[in-house]
Amino acid sequence: MDNEHNSLEEKPFHEDKSLIKNINLAVVIMLVVLIFIAMFTFFFSMQEAISVLFYPQYAALVKAIFSLVIIGLGVYLVKMFLKK
């Protein structure tokens, strides 16, 4: 009888852990989505700022260099995360 009583008490605690884990996962997913939105906004804002700050003849070159740096940084971060 005590064995049945113990198993009933342990089950809600396990369900609470999975609920907290799911909530944490949802929060992380939402933060990652917000980070991606901020990254795209930053990227296009920088493209516009480059157009304003540099002479038109150099703007395309600076935009290409900026894009290349972003691609290189992204590839490096993906490799770093995949190693783990």
PDB file of N, CA and C in Angstrom:
ATOM      1  N   MET A   1       0.814  -1.189   0.000  1.00  0.00           N
ATOM      2  CA  MET A   1       0.000   0.000   0.000  1.00  0.00           C
ATOM      3  C   MET A   1       0.861   1.257   0.000  1.00  0.00           C
ATOM      4  N   ASP A   2       1.922   1.215   0.799  1.00  0.00           N
ATOM      5  CA  ASP A   2       2.815   2.369   0.808  1.00  0.00           C
ATOM      6  C   ASP A   2       3.500   2.552  -0.534  1.00  0.00           C
ATOM      7  N   ASN A   3       3.758   1.432  -1.225  1.00  0.00           N
ATOM      8  CA  ASN A   3       4.428   1.490  -2.524  1.00  0.00           C
ATOM      9  C   ASN A   3       3.566   2.237  -3.546  1.00  0.00           C
ATOM     10  N   GLU A   4       2.250   1.973  -3.538  1.00  0.00           N
ATOM     11  CA  GLU A   4       1.335   2.683  -4.447  1.00  0.00           C
ATOM     12  C   GLU A   4       1.272   4.165  -4.109  1.00  0.00           C
ATOM     13  N   HIS A   5       1.268   4.466  -2.828  1.00  0.00           N
ATOM     14  CA  HIS A   5       1.178   5.860  -2.379  1.00  0.00           C
ATOM     15  C   HIS A   5       2.430   6.638  -2.805  1.00  0.00           C
ATOM     16  N   ASN A   6       3.611   6.034  -2.713  1.00  0.00           N
ATOM     17  CA  ASN A   6       4.855   6.689  -3.116  1.00  0.00           C
ATOM     18  C   ASN A   6       4.897   6.949  -4.619  1.00  0.00           C
ATOM     19  N   SER A   7       4.428   5.999  -5.417  1.00  0.00           N
ATOM     20  CA  SER A   7       4.469   6.178  -6.862  1.00  0.00           C
ATOM     21  C   SER A   7       3.513   7.281  -7.316  1.00  0.00           C
ATOM     22  N   LEU A   8       2.400   7.459  -6.615  1.00  0.00           N
ATOM     23  CA  LEU A   8       1.480   8.534  -6.963  1.00  0.00           C
ATOM     24  C   LEU A   8       2.058   9.898  -6.618  1.00  0.00           C
ATOM     25  N   GLU A   9       2.843   9.970  -5.546  1.00  0.00           N
ATOM     26  CA  GLU A   9       3.430  11.246  -5.154  1.00  0.00           C
ATOM     27  C   GLU A   9       4.572  11.645  -6.081  1.00  0.00           C
ATOM     28  N   GLU A  10       5.312  10.689  -6.613  1.00  0.00           N
ATOM     29  CA  GLU A  10       6.455  10.993  -7.456  1.00  0.00           C
ATOM     30  C   GLU A  10       6.050  11.434  -8.854  1.00  0.00           C
ATOM     31  N   LYS A  11       4.938  10.982  -9.352  1.00  0.00           N
ATOM     32  CA  LYS A  11       4.530  11.270 -10.725  1.00  0.00           C
ATOM     33  C   LYS A  11       4.295  12.765 -10.974  1.00  0.00           C
ATOM     34  N   PRO A  12       3.549  13.487 -10.117  1.00  0.00           N
ATOM     35  CA  PRO A  12       3.365  14.921 -10.386  1.00  0.00           C
ATOM     36  C   PRO A  12       4.679  15.696 -10.393  1.00  0.00           C
ATOM     37  N   PHE A  13       5.646  15.294  -9.565  1.00  0.00           N
ATOM     38  CA  PHE A  13       6.937  15.973  -9.563  1.00  0.00           C
ATOM     39  C   PHE A  13       7.634  15.790 -10.910  1.00  0.00           C
ATOM     40  N   HIS A  14       7.552  14.594 -11.477  1.00  0.00           N
ATOM     41  CA  HIS A  14       8.147  14.341 -12.789  1.00  0.00           C
ATOM     42  C   HIS A  14       7.439  15.165 -13.863  1.00  0.00           C
ATOM     43  N   GLU A  15       6.127  15.273 -13.773  1.00  0.00           N
ATOM     44  CA  GLU A  15       5.378  16.072 -14.740  1.00  0.00           C
ATOM     45  C   GLU A  15       5.730  17.544 -14.610  1.00  0.00           C
ATOM     46  N   ASP A  16       5.984  18.015 -13.384  1.00  0.00           N
ATOM     47  CA  ASP A  16       6.380  19.402 -13.185  1.00  0.00           C
ATOM     48  C   ASP A  16       7.732  19.677 -13.841  1.00  0.00           C
ATOM     49  N   LYS A  17       8.645  18.725 -13.742  1.00  0.00           N
ATOM     50  CA  LYS A  17       9.954  18.904 -14.380  1.00  0.00           C
ATOM     51  C   LYS A  17       9.813  19.027 -15.893  1.00  0.00           C
ATOM     52  N   SER A  18       8.992  18.175 -16.493  1.00  0.00           N
ATOM     53  CA  SER A  18       8.834  18.235 -17.946  1.00  0.00           C
ATOM     54  C   SER A  18       8.106  19.512 -18.367  1.00  0.00           C
ATOM     55  N   LEU A  19       7.173  19.980 -17.552  1.00  0.00           N
ATOM     56  CA  LEU A  19       6.472  21.229 -17.852  1.00  0.00           C
ATOM     57  C   LEU A  19       7.446  22.404 -17.795  1.00  0.00           C
ATOM     58  N   ILE A  20       8.278  22.436 -16.774  1.00  0.00           N
ATOM     59  CA  ILE A  20       9.272  23.506 -16.649  1.00  0.00           C
ATOM     60  C   ILE A  20      10.262  23.428 -17.805  1.00  0.00           C
ATOM     61  N   LYS A  21      10.653  22.210 -18.177  1.00  0.00           N
ATOM     62  CA  LYS A  21      11.578  22.037 -19.304  1.00  0.00           C
ATOM     63  C   LYS A  21      10.952  22.551 -20.601  1.00  0.00           C
ATOM     64  N   ASN A  22       9.669  22.263 -20.819  1.00  0.00           N
ATOM     65  CA  ASN A  22       8.978  22.731 -22.025  1.00  0.00           C
ATOM     66  C   ASN A  22       8.837  24.251 -22.032  1.00  0.00           C
ATOM     67  N   ILE A  23       8.559  24.829 -20.871  1.00  0.00           N
ATOM     68  CA  ILE A  23       8.445  26.287 -20.781  1.00  0.00           C
ATOM     69  C   ILE A  23       9.795  26.934 -21.080  1.00  0.00           C
ATOM     70  N   ASN A  24      10.859  26.378 -20.505  1.00  0.00           N
ATOM     71  CA  ASN A  24      12.201  26.903 -20.780  1.00  0.00           C
ATOM     72  C   ASN A  24      12.542  26.793 -22.262  1.00  0.00           C
ATOM     73  N   LEU A  25      12.186  25.684 -22.881  1.00  0.00           N
ATOM     74  CA  LEU A  25      12.444  25.500 -24.309  1.00  0.00           C
ATOM     75  C   LEU A  25      11.674  26.523 -25.134  1.00  0.00           C
ATOM     76  N   ALA A  26      10.428  26.781 -24.776  1.00  0.00           N
ATOM     77  CA  ALA A  26       9.627  27.767 -25.492  1.00  0.00           C
ATOM     78  C   ALA A  26      10.219  29.169 -25.354  1.00  0.00           C
ATOM     79  N   VAL A  27      10.707  29.490 -24.173  1.00  0.00           N
ATOM     80  CA  VAL A  27      11.321  30.805 -23.953  1.00  0.00           C
ATOM     81  C   VAL A  27      12.593  30.933 -24.792  1.00  0.00           C
ATOM     82  N   VAL A  28      13.404  29.888 -24.825  1.00  0.00           N
ATOM     83  CA  VAL A  28      14.635  29.916 -25.618  1.00  0.00           C
ATOM     84  C   VAL A  28      14.313  30.072 -27.098  1.00  0.00           C
ATOM     85  N   ILE A  29      13.308  29.349 -27.581  1.00  0.00           N
ATOM     86  CA  ILE A  29      12.921  29.459 -28.995  1.00  0.00           C
ATOM     87  C   ILE A  29      12.462  30.877 -29.318  1.00  0.00           C
ATOM     88  N   MET A  30      11.665  31.470 -28.435  1.00  0.00           N
ATOM     89  CA  MET A  30      11.205  32.838 -28.667  1.00  0.00           C
ATOM     90  C   MET A  30      12.373  33.819 -28.670  1.00  0.00           C
ATOM     91  N   LEU A  31      13.337  33.629 -27.770  1.00  0.00           N
ATOM     92  CA  LEU A  31      14.502  34.514 -27.743  1.00  0.00           C
ATOM     93  C   LEU A  31      15.346  34.366 -29.000  1.00  0.00           C
ATOM     94  N   VAL A  32      15.502  33.150 -29.492  1.00  0.00           N
ATOM     95  CA  VAL A  32      16.267  32.930 -30.724  1.00  0.00           C
ATOM     96  C   VAL A  32      15.572  33.609 -31.903  1.00  0.00           C
ATOM     97  N   VAL A  33      14.259  33.515 -31.974  1.00  0.00           N
ATOM     98  CA  VAL A  33      13.514  34.182 -33.053  1.00  0.00           C
ATOM     99  C   VAL A  33      13.704  35.697 -32.961  1.00  0.00           C
ATOM    100  N   LEU A  34      13.640  36.242 -31.752  1.00  0.00           N
ATOM    101  CA  LEU A  34      13.847  37.683 -31.593  1.00  0.00           C
ATOM    102  C   LEU A  34      15.264  38.092 -31.972  1.00  0.00           C
ATOM    103  N   ILE A  35      16.237  37.245 -31.654  1.00  0.00           N
ATOM    104  CA  ILE A  35      17.621  37.537 -32.030  1.00  0.00           C
ATOM    105  C   ILE A  35      17.771  37.544 -33.547  1.00  0.00           C
ATOM    106  N   PHE A  36      17.147  36.578 -34.236  1.00  0.00           N
ATOM    107  CA  PHE A  36      17.228  36.559 -35.695  1.00  0.00           C
ATOM    108  C   PHE A  36      16.565  37.785 -36.311  1.00  0.00           C
ATOM    109  N   ILE A  37      15.438  38.200 -35.764  1.00  0.00           N
ATOM    110  CA  ILE A  37      14.781  39.410 -36.266  1.00  0.00           C
ATOM    111  C   ILE A  37      15.691  40.614 -36.065  1.00  0.00           C
ATOM    112  N   ALA A  38      16.315  40.706 -34.894  1.00  0.00           N
ATOM    113  CA  ALA A  38      17.222  41.824 -34.624  1.00  0.00           C
ATOM    114  C   ALA A  38      18.433  41.781 -35.544  1.00  0.00           C
ATOM    115  N   MET A  39      18.930  40.578 -35.835  1.00  0.00           N
ATOM    116  CA  MET A  39      20.079  40.467 -36.734  1.00  0.00           C
ATOM    117  C   MET A  39      19.741  40.942 -38.138  1.00  0.00           C
ATOM    118  N   PHE A  40      18.581  40.535 -38.661  1.00  0.00           N
ATOM    119  CA  PHE A  40      18.180  40.977 -39.999  1.00  0.00           C
ATOM    120  C   PHE A  40      17.951  42.483 -40.029  1.00  0.00           C
ATOM    121  N   THR A  41      17.329  43.015 -38.986  1.00  0.00           N
ATOM    122  CA  THR A  41      17.116  44.457 -38.914  1.00  0.00           C
ATOM    123  C   THR A  41      18.451  45.188 -38.880  1.00  0.00           C
ATOM    124  N   PHE A  42      19.391  44.698 -38.075  1.00  0.00           N
ATOM    125  CA  PHE A  42      20.719  45.306 -37.999  1.00  0.00           C
ATOM    126  C   PHE A  42      21.423  45.241 -39.347  1.00  0.00           C
ATOM    127  N   PHE A  43      21.341  44.093 -40.005  1.00  0.00           N
ATOM    128  CA  PHE A  43      22.024  43.925 -41.289  1.00  0.00           C
ATOM    129  C   PHE A  43      21.523  44.944 -42.314  1.00  0.00           C
ATOM    130  N   PHE A  44      20.206  45.052 -42.436  1.00  0.00           N
ATOM    131  CA  PHE A  44      19.670  45.975 -43.441  1.00  0.00           C
ATOM    132  C   PHE A  44      19.868  47.435 -43.038  1.00  0.00           C
ATOM    133  N   SER A  45      19.862  47.707 -41.740  1.00  0.00           N
ATOM    134  CA  SER A  45      20.160  49.071 -41.295  1.00  0.00           C
ATOM    135  C   SER A  45      21.604  49.433 -41.599  1.00  0.00           C
ATOM    136  N   MET A  46      22.519  48.475 -41.416  1.00  0.00           N
ATOM    137  CA  MET A  46      23.916  48.732 -41.741  1.00  0.00           C
ATOM    138  C   MET A  46      24.095  48.932 -43.246  1.00  0.00           C
ATOM    139  N   GLN A  47      23.369  48.185 -44.049  1.00  0.00           N
ATOM    140  CA  GLN A  47      23.447  48.366 -45.501  1.00  0.00           C
ATOM    141  C   GLN A  47      23.021  49.796 -45.870  1.00  0.00           C
ATOM    142  N   GLU A  48      21.956  50.257 -45.233  1.00  0.00           N
ATOM    143  CA  GLU A  48      21.480  51.614 -45.503  1.00  0.00           C
ATOM    144  C   GLU A  48      22.478  52.657 -45.000  1.00  0.00           C
ATOM    145  N   ALA A  49      23.052  52.408 -43.822  1.00  0.00           N
ATOM    146  CA  ALA A  49      24.033  53.349 -43.268  1.00  0.00           C
ATOM    147  C   ALA A  49      25.274  53.415 -44.143  1.00  0.00           C
ATOM    148  N   ILE A  50      25.693  52.294 -44.683  1.00  0.00           N
ATOM    149  CA  ILE A  50      26.842  52.283 -45.587  1.00  0.00           C
ATOM    150  C   ILE A  50      26.545  53.124 -46.823  1.00  0.00           C
ATOM    151  N   SER A  51      25.318  53.020 -47.320  1.00  0.00           N
ATOM    152  CA  SER A  51      24.939  53.819 -48.494  1.00  0.00           C
ATOM    153  C   SER A  51      25.012  55.312 -48.200  1.00  0.00           C
ATOM    154  N   VAL A  52      24.667  55.691 -46.990  1.00  0.00           N
ATOM    155  CA  VAL A  52      24.671  57.108 -46.623  1.00  0.00           C
ATOM    156  C   VAL A  52      26.076  57.601 -46.319  1.00  0.00           C
ATOM    157  N   LEU A  53      26.888  56.779 -45.661  1.00  0.00           N
ATOM    158  CA  LEU A  53      28.193  57.231 -45.177  1.00  0.00           C
ATOM    159  C   LEU A  53      29.283  57.246 -46.238  1.00  0.00           C
ATOM    160  N   PHE A  54      29.178  56.402 -47.227  1.00  0.00           N
ATOM    161  CA  PHE A  54      30.247  56.284 -48.218  1.00  0.00           C
ATOM    162  C   PHE A  54      29.800  56.867 -49.554  1.00  0.00           C
ATOM    163  N   TYR A  55      30.768  57.278 -50.318  1.00  0.00           N
ATOM    164  CA  TYR A  55      30.472  57.755 -51.663  1.00  0.00           C
ATOM    165  C   TYR A  55      29.814  56.628 -52.452  1.00  0.00           C
ATOM    166  N   PRO A  56      28.921  56.979 -53.365  1.00  0.00           N
ATOM    167  CA  PRO A  56      28.207  55.944 -54.129  1.00  0.00           C
ATOM    168  C   PRO A  56      29.128  54.963 -54.858  1.00  0.00           C
ATOM    169  N   GLN A  57      30.292  55.446 -55.295  1.00  0.00           N
ATOM    170  CA  GLN A  57      31.193  54.554 -56.020  1.00  0.00           C
ATOM    171  C   GLN A  57      31.829  53.509 -55.103  1.00  0.00           C
ATOM    172  N   TYR A  58      31.899  53.779 -53.783  1.00  0.00           N
ATOM    173  CA  TYR A  58      32.503  52.837 -52.847  1.00  0.00           C
ATOM    174  C   TYR A  58      31.470  52.072 -52.027  1.00  0.00           C
ATOM    175  N   ALA A  59      30.233  52.489 -52.068  1.00  0.00           N
ATOM    176  CA  ALA A  59      29.197  51.884 -51.223  1.00  0.00           C
ATOM    177  C   ALA A  59      29.007  50.401 -51.531  1.00  0.00           C
ATOM    178  N   ALA A  60      28.998  50.046 -52.808  1.00  0.00           N
ATOM    179  CA  ALA A  60      28.813  48.635 -53.173  1.00  0.00           C
ATOM    180  C   ALA A  60      29.960  47.775 -52.660  1.00  0.00           C
ATOM    181  N   LEU A  61      31.175  48.292 -52.736  1.00  0.00           N
ATOM    182  CA  LEU A  61      32.343  47.548 -52.250  1.00  0.00           C
ATOM    183  C   LEU A  61      32.277  47.357 -50.734  1.00  0.00           C
ATOM    184  N   VAL A  62      31.936  48.396 -50.011  1.00  0.00           N
ATOM    185  CA  VAL A  62      31.849  48.304 -48.547  1.00  0.00           C
ATOM    186  C   VAL A  62      30.713  47.372 -48.146  1.00  0.00           C
ATOM    187  N   LYS A  63      29.586  47.415 -48.855  1.00  0.00           N
ATOM    188  CA  LYS A  63      28.480  46.501 -48.571  1.00  0.00           C
ATOM    189  C   LYS A  63      28.910  45.052 -48.795  1.00  0.00           C
ATOM    190  N   ALA A  64      29.659  44.809 -49.864  1.00  0.00           N
ATOM    191  CA  ALA A  64      30.128  43.451 -50.148  1.00  0.00           C
ATOM    192  C   ALA A  64      31.077  42.964 -49.059  1.00  0.00           C
ATOM    193  N   ILE A  65      31.978  43.836 -48.617  1.00  0.00           N
ATOM    194  CA  ILE A  65      32.906  43.460 -47.543  1.00  0.00           C
ATOM    195  C   ILE A  65      32.151  43.197 -46.251  1.00  0.00           C
ATOM    196  N   PHE A  66      31.198  44.053 -45.930  1.00  0.00           N
ATOM    197  CA  PHE A  66      30.382  43.852 -44.724  1.00  0.00           C
ATOM    198  C   PHE A  66      29.635  42.528 -44.801  1.00  0.00           C
ATOM    199  N   SER A  67      29.030  42.220 -45.934  1.00  0.00           N
ATOM    200  CA  SER A  67      28.308  40.960 -46.099  1.00  0.00           C
ATOM    201  C   SER A  67      29.248  39.760 -45.975  1.00  0.00           C
ATOM    202  N   LEU A  68      30.441  39.875 -46.528  1.00  0.00           N
ATOM    203  CA  LEU A  68      31.425  38.801 -46.441  1.00  0.00           C
ATOM    204  C   LEU A  68      31.849  38.558 -44.992  1.00  0.00           C
ATOM    205  N   VAL A  69      32.035  39.627 -44.246  1.00  0.00           N
ATOM    206  CA  VAL A  69      32.387  39.485 -42.823  1.00  0.00           C
ATOM    207  C   VAL A  69      31.248  38.802 -42.060  1.00  0.00           C
ATOM    208  N   ILE A  70      30.013  39.173 -42.327  1.00  0.00           N
ATOM    209  CA  ILE A  70      28.862  38.561 -41.665  1.00  0.00           C
ATOM    210  C   ILE A  70      28.771  37.076 -42.011  1.00  0.00           C
ATOM    211  N   ILE A  71      28.987  36.723 -43.271  1.00  0.00           N
ATOM    212  CA  ILE A  71      28.952  35.317 -43.688  1.00  0.00           C
ATOM    213  C   ILE A  71      30.068  34.541 -42.984  1.00  0.00           C
ATOM    214  N   GLY A  72      31.269  35.103 -42.944  1.00  0.00           N
ATOM    215  CA  GLY A  72      32.384  34.442 -42.268  1.00  0.00           C
ATOM    216  C   GLY A  72      32.112  34.238 -40.788  1.00  0.00           C
ATOM    217  N   LEU A  73      31.573  35.244 -40.146  1.00  0.00           N
ATOM    218  CA  LEU A  73      31.229  35.132 -38.728  1.00  0.00           C
ATOM    219  C   LEU A  73      30.159  34.071 -38.503  1.00  0.00           C
ATOM    220  N   GLY A  74      29.165  34.045 -39.382  1.00  0.00           N
ATOM    221  CA  GLY A  74      28.105  33.039 -39.267  1.00  0.00           C
ATOM    222  C   GLY A  74      28.620  31.626 -39.439  1.00  0.00           C
ATOM    223  N   VAL A  75      29.492  31.415 -40.419  1.00  0.00           N
ATOM    224  CA  VAL A  75      30.067  30.083 -40.642  1.00  0.00           C
ATOM    225  C   VAL A  75      30.909  29.665 -39.440  1.00  0.00           C
ATOM    226  N   TYR A  76      31.698  30.602 -38.905  1.00  0.00           N
ATOM    227  CA  TYR A  76      32.518  30.304 -37.728  1.00  0.00           C
ATOM    228  C   TYR A  76      31.647  29.907 -36.537  1.00  0.00           C
ATOM    229  N   LEU A  77      30.563  30.648 -36.293  1.00  0.00           N
ATOM    230  CA  LEU A  77      29.684  30.332 -35.161  1.00  0.00           C
ATOM    231  C   LEU A  77      28.994  28.993 -35.338  1.00  0.00           C
ATOM    232  N   VAL A  78      28.568  28.682 -36.565  1.00  0.00           N
ATOM    233  CA  VAL A  78      27.919  27.387 -36.817  1.00  0.00           C
ATOM    234  C   VAL A  78      28.913  26.260 -36.569  1.00  0.00           C
ATOM    235  N   LYS A  79      30.141  26.403 -37.036  1.00  0.00           N
ATOM    236  CA  LYS A  79      31.160  25.366 -36.801  1.00  0.00           C
ATOM    237  C   LYS A  79      31.427  25.212 -35.308  1.00  0.00           C
ATOM    238  N   MET A  80      31.476  26.331 -34.599  1.00  0.00           N
ATOM    239  CA  MET A  80      31.742  26.288 -33.171  1.00  0.00           C
ATOM    240  C   MET A  80      30.627  25.546 -32.430  1.00  0.00           C
ATOM    241  N   PHE A  81      29.376  25.817 -32.799  1.00  0.00           N
ATOM    242  CA  PHE A  81      28.257  25.151 -32.133  1.00  0.00           C
ATOM    243  C   PHE A  81      28.155  23.680 -32.521  1.00  0.00           C
ATOM    244  N   LEU A  82      28.528  23.328 -33.756  1.00  0.00           N
ATOM    245  CA  LEU A  82      28.448  21.942 -34.175  1.00  0.00           C
ATOM    246  C   LEU A  82      29.535  21.078 -33.542  1.00  0.00           C
ATOM    247  N   LYS A  83      30.651  21.687 -33.153  1.00  0.00           N
ATOM    248  CA  LYS A  83      31.705  20.929 -32.479  1.00  0.00           C
ATOM    249  C   LYS A  83      31.249  20.439 -31.115  1.00  0.00           C
ATOM    250  N   LYS A  84      30.393  21.203 -30.459  1.00  0.00           N
ATOM    251  CA  LYS A  84      29.902  20.814 -29.136  1.00  0.00           C
ATOM    252  C   LYS A  84      28.941  19.671 -29.305  1.00  0.00           C
TER     253      LYS A  84
END
